[in-house]
Amino acid sequence: MKTAELRKKDVAGLQAEVKDLQKAHFNLRMQKATQQLSNTGQLKTTRRAIARAKTLIAEKQAAEKQAGAK
């Protein structure tokens, strides 16, 4: 999922996306362990997508905290 699409979601939506991505990453790891995964590049893609979503969560929470402090 592109960053622009993720920025449209709220924190709860992003957390749900992270959970889904983590499940997908786990499944890919299991496929790799059982020699069923032909495209190992998918592991890198999902890992980076998780990091991207977590970064946006942190940004949104920091913005909320800063807005609440004013």
PDB file of N, CA and C in Angstrom:
ATOM      1  N   MET A   1       0.848  -1.170   0.000  1.00  0.00           N
ATOM      2  CA  MET A   1       0.000   0.000   0.000  1.00  0.00           C
ATOM      3  C   MET A   1       0.894   1.233   0.000  1.00  0.00           C
ATOM      4  N   LYS A   2       0.524   2.207  -0.774  1.00  0.00           N
ATOM      5  CA  LYS A   2       1.320   3.417  -0.895  1.00  0.00           C
ATOM      6  C   LYS A   2       1.165   4.305   0.334  1.00  0.00           C
ATOM      7  N   THR A   3       2.167   5.137   0.560  1.00  0.00           N
ATOM      8  CA  THR A   3       2.168   6.020   1.716  1.00  0.00           C
ATOM      9  C   THR A   3       0.993   6.992   1.667  1.00  0.00           C
ATOM     10  N   ALA A   4       0.666   7.491   0.492  1.00  0.00           N
ATOM     11  CA  ALA A   4      -0.456   8.429   0.356  1.00  0.00           C
ATOM     12  C   ALA A   4      -1.765   7.786   0.810  1.00  0.00           C
ATOM     13  N   GLU A   5      -1.941   6.517   0.496  1.00  0.00           N
ATOM     14  CA  GLU A   5      -3.154   5.811   0.920  1.00  0.00           C
ATOM     15  C   GLU A   5      -3.166   5.612   2.433  1.00  0.00           C
ATOM     16  N   LEU A   6      -1.989   5.335   3.002  1.00  0.00           N
ATOM     17  CA  LEU A   6      -1.903   5.126   4.448  1.00  0.00           C
ATOM     18  C   LEU A   6      -2.137   6.419   5.216  1.00  0.00           C
ATOM     19  N   ARG A   7      -1.699   7.548   4.666  1.00  0.00           N
ATOM     20  CA  ARG A   7      -1.873   8.832   5.355  1.00  0.00           C
ATOM     21  C   ARG A   7      -3.344   9.208   5.509  1.00  0.00           C
ATOM     22  N   LYS A   8      -4.200   8.669   4.662  1.00  0.00           N
ATOM     23  CA  LYS A   8      -5.633   8.974   4.739  1.00  0.00           C
ATOM     24  C   LYS A   8      -6.313   8.270   5.908  1.00  0.00           C
ATOM     25  N   LYS A   9      -5.675   7.222   6.430  1.00  0.00           N
ATOM     26  CA  LYS A   9      -6.274   6.440   7.515  1.00  0.00           C
ATOM     27  C   LYS A   9      -5.993   7.080   8.866  1.00  0.00           C
ATOM     28  N   ASP A  10      -6.861   6.786   9.828  1.00  0.00           N
ATOM     29  CA  ASP A  10      -6.618   7.246  11.192  1.00  0.00           C
ATOM     30  C   ASP A  10      -5.734   6.226  11.910  1.00  0.00           C
ATOM     31  N   VAL A  11      -5.409   6.502  13.162  1.00  0.00           N
ATOM     32  CA  VAL A  11      -4.485   5.650  13.922  1.00  0.00           C
ATOM     33  C   VAL A  11      -5.040   4.233  14.057  1.00  0.00           C
ATOM     34  N   ALA A  12      -6.328   4.109  14.344  1.00  0.00           N
ATOM     35  CA  ALA A  12      -6.926   2.774  14.492  1.00  0.00           C
ATOM     36  C   ALA A  12      -6.852   1.999  13.181  1.00  0.00           C
ATOM     37  N   GLY A  13      -7.088   2.666  12.077  1.00  0.00           N
ATOM     38  CA  GLY A  13      -7.001   2.021  10.775  1.00  0.00           C
ATOM     39  C   GLY A  13      -5.590   1.580  10.456  1.00  0.00           C
ATOM     40  N   LEU A  14      -4.621   2.411  10.836  1.00  0.00           N
ATOM     41  CA  LEU A  14      -3.216   2.062  10.618  1.00  0.00           C
ATOM     42  C   LEU A  14      -2.804   0.868  11.474  1.00  0.00           C
ATOM     43  N   GLN A  15      -3.293   0.837  12.705  1.00  0.00           N
ATOM     44  CA  GLN A  15      -2.962  -0.289  13.580  1.00  0.00           C
ATOM     45  C   GLN A  15      -3.552  -1.589  13.039  1.00  0.00           C
ATOM     46  N   ALA A  16      -4.744  -1.522  12.481  1.00  0.00           N
ATOM     47  CA  ALA A  16      -5.348  -2.698  11.862  1.00  0.00           C
ATOM     48  C   ALA A  16      -4.530  -3.128  10.645  1.00  0.00           C
ATOM     49  N   GLU A  17      -4.051  -2.163   9.884  1.00  0.00           N
ATOM     50  CA  GLU A  17      -3.217  -2.461   8.722  1.00  0.00           C
ATOM     51  C   GLU A  17      -1.915  -3.138   9.141  1.00  0.00           C
ATOM     52  N   VAL A  18      -1.303  -2.657  10.228  1.00  0.00           N
ATOM     53  CA  VAL A  18      -0.073  -3.273  10.730  1.00  0.00           C
ATOM     54  C   VAL A  18      -0.337  -4.715  11.133  1.00  0.00           C
ATOM     55  N   LYS A  19      -1.446  -4.942  11.809  1.00  0.00           N
ATOM     56  CA  LYS A  19      -1.790  -6.298  12.237  1.00  0.00           C
ATOM     57  C   LYS A  19      -1.952  -7.232  11.030  1.00  0.00           C
ATOM     58  N   ASP A  20      -2.637  -6.755   9.993  1.00  0.00           N
ATOM     59  CA  ASP A  20      -2.822  -7.557   8.781  1.00  0.00           C
ATOM     60  C   ASP A  20      -1.478  -7.836   8.098  1.00  0.00           C
ATOM     61  N   LEU A  21      -0.635  -6.821   8.040  1.00  0.00           N
ATOM     62  CA  LEU A  21       0.679  -6.988   7.415  1.00  0.00           C
ATOM     63  C   LEU A  21       1.546  -7.966   8.199  1.00  0.00           C
ATOM     64  N   GLN A  22       1.447  -7.921   9.515  1.00  0.00           N
ATOM     65  CA  GLN A  22       2.235  -8.843  10.329  1.00  0.00           C
ATOM     66  C   GLN A  22       1.780 -10.285  10.118  1.00  0.00           C
ATOM     67  N   LYS A  23       0.475 -10.490   9.976  1.00  0.00           N
ATOM     68  CA  LYS A  23      -0.037 -11.834   9.686  1.00  0.00           C
ATOM     69  C   LYS A  23       0.469 -12.312   8.325  1.00  0.00           C
ATOM     70  N   ALA A  24       0.428 -11.414   7.341  1.00  0.00           N
ATOM     71  CA  ALA A  24       0.907 -11.764   6.006  1.00  0.00           C
ATOM     72  C   ALA A  24       2.393 -12.098   6.038  1.00  0.00           C
ATOM     73  N   HIS A  25       3.160 -11.311   6.797  1.00  0.00           N
ATOM     74  CA  HIS A  25       4.603 -11.552   6.899  1.00  0.00           C
ATOM     75  C   HIS A  25       4.882 -12.897   7.570  1.00  0.00           C
ATOM     76  N   PHE A  26       4.112 -13.211   8.591  1.00  0.00           N
ATOM     77  CA  PHE A  26       4.269 -14.500   9.266  1.00  0.00           C
ATOM     78  C   PHE A  26       4.004 -15.649   8.293  1.00  0.00           C
ATOM     79  N   ASN A  27       2.926 -15.524   7.524  1.00  0.00           N
ATOM     80  CA  ASN A  27       2.596 -16.569   6.556  1.00  0.00           C
ATOM     81  C   ASN A  27       3.694 -16.729   5.507  1.00  0.00           C
ATOM     82  N   LEU A  28       4.263 -15.606   5.072  1.00  0.00           N
ATOM     83  CA  LEU A  28       5.358 -15.676   4.108  1.00  0.00           C
ATOM     84  C   LEU A  28       6.582 -16.363   4.716  1.00  0.00           C
ATOM     85  N   ARG A  29       6.850 -16.079   5.975  1.00  0.00           N
ATOM     86  CA  ARG A  29       7.990 -16.725   6.638  1.00  0.00           C
ATOM     87  C   ARG A  29       7.779 -18.231   6.745  1.00  0.00           C
ATOM     88  N   MET A  30       6.545 -18.643   7.027  1.00  0.00           N
ATOM     89  CA  MET A  30       6.252 -20.075   7.116  1.00  0.00           C
ATOM     90  C   MET A  30       6.394 -20.736   5.742  1.00  0.00           C
ATOM     91  N   GLN A  31       5.952 -20.042   4.706  1.00  0.00           N
ATOM     92  CA  GLN A  31       6.108 -20.578   3.362  1.00  0.00           C
ATOM     93  C   GLN A  31       7.585 -20.715   2.995  1.00  0.00           C
ATOM     94  N   LYS A  32       8.381 -19.750   3.400  1.00  0.00           N
ATOM     95  CA  LYS A  32       9.813 -19.815   3.115  1.00  0.00           C
ATOM     96  C   LYS A  32      10.449 -20.985   3.856  1.00  0.00           C
ATOM     97  N   ALA A  33      10.034 -21.196   5.086  1.00  0.00           N
ATOM     98  CA  ALA A  33      10.608 -22.276   5.892  1.00  0.00           C
ATOM     99  C   ALA A  33      10.263 -23.649   5.321  1.00  0.00           C
ATOM    100  N   THR A  34       9.111 -23.755   4.683  1.00  0.00           N
ATOM    101  CA  THR A  34       8.698 -25.043   4.122  1.00  0.00           C
ATOM    102  C   THR A  34       9.009 -25.134   2.625  1.00  0.00           C
ATOM    103  N   GLN A  35       9.859 -24.242   2.127  1.00  0.00           N
ATOM    104  CA  GLN A  35      10.297 -24.244   0.727  1.00  0.00           C
ATOM    105  C   GLN A  35       9.147 -24.046  -0.264  1.00  0.00           C
ATOM    106  N   GLN A  36       8.103 -23.324   0.134  1.00  0.00           N
ATOM    107  CA  GLN A  36       6.969 -23.092  -0.749  1.00  0.00           C
ATOM    108  C   GLN A  36       6.965 -21.689  -1.340  1.00  0.00           C
ATOM    109  N   LEU A  37       7.841 -20.824  -0.853  1.00  0.00           N
ATOM    110  CA  LEU A  37       7.863 -19.430  -1.299  1.00  0.00           C
ATOM    111  C   LEU A  37       8.873 -19.276  -2.428  1.00  0.00           C
ATOM    112  N   SER A  38       8.375 -18.889  -3.595  1.00  0.00           N
ATOM    113  CA  SER A  38       9.279 -18.738  -4.732  1.00  0.00           C
ATOM    114  C   SER A  38       9.832 -17.319  -4.832  1.00  0.00           C
ATOM    115  N   ASN A  39       9.050 -16.323  -4.432  1.00  0.00           N
ATOM    116  CA  ASN A  39       9.478 -14.936  -4.507  1.00  0.00           C
ATOM    117  C   ASN A  39       9.816 -14.436  -3.103  1.00  0.00           C
ATOM    118  N   THR A  40      11.069 -14.569  -2.708  1.00  0.00           N
ATOM    119  CA  THR A  40      11.466 -14.172  -1.355  1.00  0.00           C
ATOM    120  C   THR A  40      11.508 -12.658  -1.199  1.00  0.00           C
ATOM    121  N   GLY A  41      11.405 -11.914  -2.269  1.00  0.00           N
ATOM    122  CA  GLY A  41      11.374 -10.458  -2.197  1.00  0.00           C
ATOM    123  C   GLY A  41      10.127  -9.945  -1.503  1.00  0.00           C
ATOM    124  N   GLN A  42       9.099 -10.771  -1.436  1.00  0.00           N
ATOM    125  CA  GLN A  42       7.869 -10.377  -0.750  1.00  0.00           C
ATOM    126  C   GLN A  42       8.114 -10.146   0.732  1.00  0.00           C
ATOM    127  N   LEU A  43       9.071 -10.868   1.309  1.00  0.00           N
ATOM    128  CA  LEU A  43       9.387 -10.679   2.727  1.00  0.00           C
ATOM    129  C   LEU A  43       9.870  -9.256   2.974  1.00  0.00           C
ATOM    130  N   LYS A  44      10.752  -8.788   2.123  1.00  0.00           N
ATOM    131  CA  LYS A  44      11.294  -7.433   2.246  1.00  0.00           C
ATOM    132  C   LYS A  44      10.182  -6.398   2.074  1.00  0.00           C
ATOM    133  N   THR A  45       9.308  -6.638   1.103  1.00  0.00           N
ATOM    134  CA  THR A  45       8.223  -5.697   0.829  1.00  0.00           C
ATOM    135  C   THR A  45       7.274  -5.571   2.014  1.00  0.00           C
ATOM    136  N   THR A  46       6.892  -6.702   2.601  1.00  0.00           N
ATOM    137  CA  THR A  46       5.958  -6.636   3.731  1.00  0.00           C
ATOM    138  C   THR A  46       6.632  -6.043   4.966  1.00  0.00           C
ATOM    139  N   ARG A  47       7.907  -6.359   5.164  1.00  0.00           N
ATOM    140  CA  ARG A  47       8.627  -5.798   6.313  1.00  0.00           C
ATOM    141  C   ARG A  47       8.692  -4.274   6.217  1.00  0.00           C
ATOM    142  N   ARG A  48       8.952  -3.775   5.035  1.00  0.00           N
ATOM    143  CA  ARG A  48       9.018  -2.323   4.850  1.00  0.00           C
ATOM    144  C   ARG A  48       7.644  -1.669   4.946  1.00  0.00           C
ATOM    145  N   ALA A  49       6.611  -2.357   4.498  1.00  0.00           N
ATOM    146  CA  ALA A  49       5.253  -1.827   4.610  1.00  0.00           C
ATOM    147  C   ALA A  49       4.845  -1.717   6.076  1.00  0.00           C
ATOM    148  N   ILE A  50       5.247  -2.694   6.884  1.00  0.00           N
ATOM    149  CA  ILE A  50       4.975  -2.640   8.328  1.00  0.00           C
ATOM    150  C   ILE A  50       5.682  -1.432   8.935  1.00  0.00           C
ATOM    151  N   ALA A  51       6.938  -1.241   8.580  1.00  0.00           N
ATOM    152  CA  ALA A  51       7.704  -0.112   9.121  1.00  0.00           C
ATOM    153  C   ALA A  51       7.096   1.214   8.687  1.00  0.00           C
ATOM    154  N   ARG A  52       6.636   1.283   7.443  1.00  0.00           N
ATOM    155  CA  ARG A  52       6.023   2.509   6.933  1.00  0.00           C
ATOM    156  C   ARG A  52       4.763   2.848   7.728  1.00  0.00           C
ATOM    157  N   ALA A  53       3.924   1.848   7.968  1.00  0.00           N
ATOM    158  CA  ALA A  53       2.682   2.074   8.708  1.00  0.00           C
ATOM    159  C   ALA A  53       2.969   2.460  10.159  1.00  0.00           C
ATOM    160  N   LYS A  54       3.958   1.804  10.777  1.00  0.00           N
ATOM    161  CA  LYS A  54       4.302   2.135  12.159  1.00  0.00           C
ATOM    162  C   LYS A  54       4.854   3.546  12.274  1.00  0.00           C
ATOM    163  N   THR A  55       5.606   3.985  11.274  1.00  0.00           N
ATOM    164  CA  THR A  55       6.138   5.344  11.264  1.00  0.00           C
ATOM    165  C   THR A  55       5.006   6.354  11.200  1.00  0.00           C
ATOM    166  N   LEU A  56       4.013   6.092  10.360  1.00  0.00           N
ATOM    167  CA  LEU A  56       2.877   7.002  10.257  1.00  0.00           C
ATOM    168  C   LEU A  56       2.067   7.025  11.550  1.00  0.00           C
ATOM    169  N   ILE A  57       1.954   5.888  12.220  1.00  0.00           N
ATOM    170  CA  ILE A  57       1.267   5.852  13.513  1.00  0.00           C
ATOM    171  C   ILE A  57       1.989   6.760  14.501  1.00  0.00           C
ATOM    172  N   ALA A  58       3.302   6.650  14.552  1.00  0.00           N
ATOM    173  CA  ALA A  58       4.089   7.476  15.479  1.00  0.00           C
ATOM    174  C   ALA A  58       3.950   8.958  15.140  1.00  0.00           C
ATOM    175  N   GLU A  59       3.946   9.291  13.861  1.00  0.00           N
ATOM    176  CA  GLU A  59       3.789  10.688  13.451  1.00  0.00           C
ATOM    177  C   GLU A  59       2.436  11.232  13.878  1.00  0.00           C
ATOM    178  N   LYS A  60       1.389  10.452  13.651  1.00  0.00           N
ATOM    179  CA  LYS A  60       0.040  10.912  13.998  1.00  0.00           C
ATOM    180  C   LYS A  60      -0.137  11.044  15.513  1.00  0.00           C
ATOM    181  N   GLN A  61       0.432  10.108  16.269  1.00  0.00           N
ATOM    182  CA  GLN A  61       0.330  10.198  17.719  1.00  0.00           C
ATOM    183  C   GLN A  61       1.108  11.391  18.251  1.00  0.00           C
ATOM    184  N   ALA A  62       2.266  11.694  17.670  1.00  0.00           N
ATOM    185  CA  ALA A  62       3.050  12.850  18.093  1.00  0.00           C
ATOM    186  C   ALA A  62       2.295  14.145  17.762  1.00  0.00           C
ATOM    187  N   ALA A  63       1.639  14.174  16.613  1.00  0.00           N
ATOM    188  CA  ALA A  63       0.874  15.356  16.239  1.00  0.00           C
ATOM    189  C   ALA A  63      -0.308  15.559  17.174  1.00  0.00           C
ATOM    190  N   GLU A  64      -0.964  14.478  17.558  1.00  0.00           N
ATOM    191  CA  GLU A  64      -2.078  14.559  18.509  1.00  0.00           C
ATOM    192  C   GLU A  64      -1.605  15.045  19.868  1.00  0.00           C
ATOM    193  N   LYS A  65      -0.466  14.532  20.298  1.00  0.00           N
ATOM    194  CA  LYS A  65       0.085  14.918  21.598  1.00  0.00           C
ATOM    195  C   LYS A  65       0.466  16.399  21.594  1.00  0.00           C
ATOM    196  N   GLN A  66       1.059  16.835  20.492  1.00  0.00           N
ATOM    197  CA  GLN A  66       1.481  18.229  20.391  1.00  0.00           C
ATOM    198  C   GLN A  66       0.266  19.154  20.316  1.00  0.00           C
ATOM    199  N   ALA A  67      -0.778  18.734  19.608  1.00  0.00           N
ATOM    200  CA  ALA A  67      -1.984  19.539  19.499  1.00  0.00           C
ATOM    201  C   ALA A  67      -2.708  19.606  20.849  1.00  0.00           C
ATOM    202  N   GLY A  68      -2.631  18.547  21.624  1.00  0.00           N
ATOM    203  CA  GLY A  68      -3.264  18.515  22.935  1.00  0.00           C
ATOM    204  C   GLY A  68      -2.529  19.361  23.968  1.00  0.00           C
ATOM    205  N   ALA A  69      -1.233  19.548  23.771  1.00  0.00           N
ATOM    206  CA  ALA A  69      -0.427  20.323  24.713  1.00  0.00           C
ATOM    207  C   ALA A  69      -0.637  21.818  24.557  1.00  0.00           C
ATOM    208  N   LYS A  70      -1.142  22.238  23.410  1.00  0.00           N
ATOM    209  CA  LYS A  70      -1.311  23.679  23.171  1.00  0.00           C
ATOM    210  C   LYS A  70      -2.556  24.211  23.779  1.00  0.00           C
TER     211      LYS A  70
END
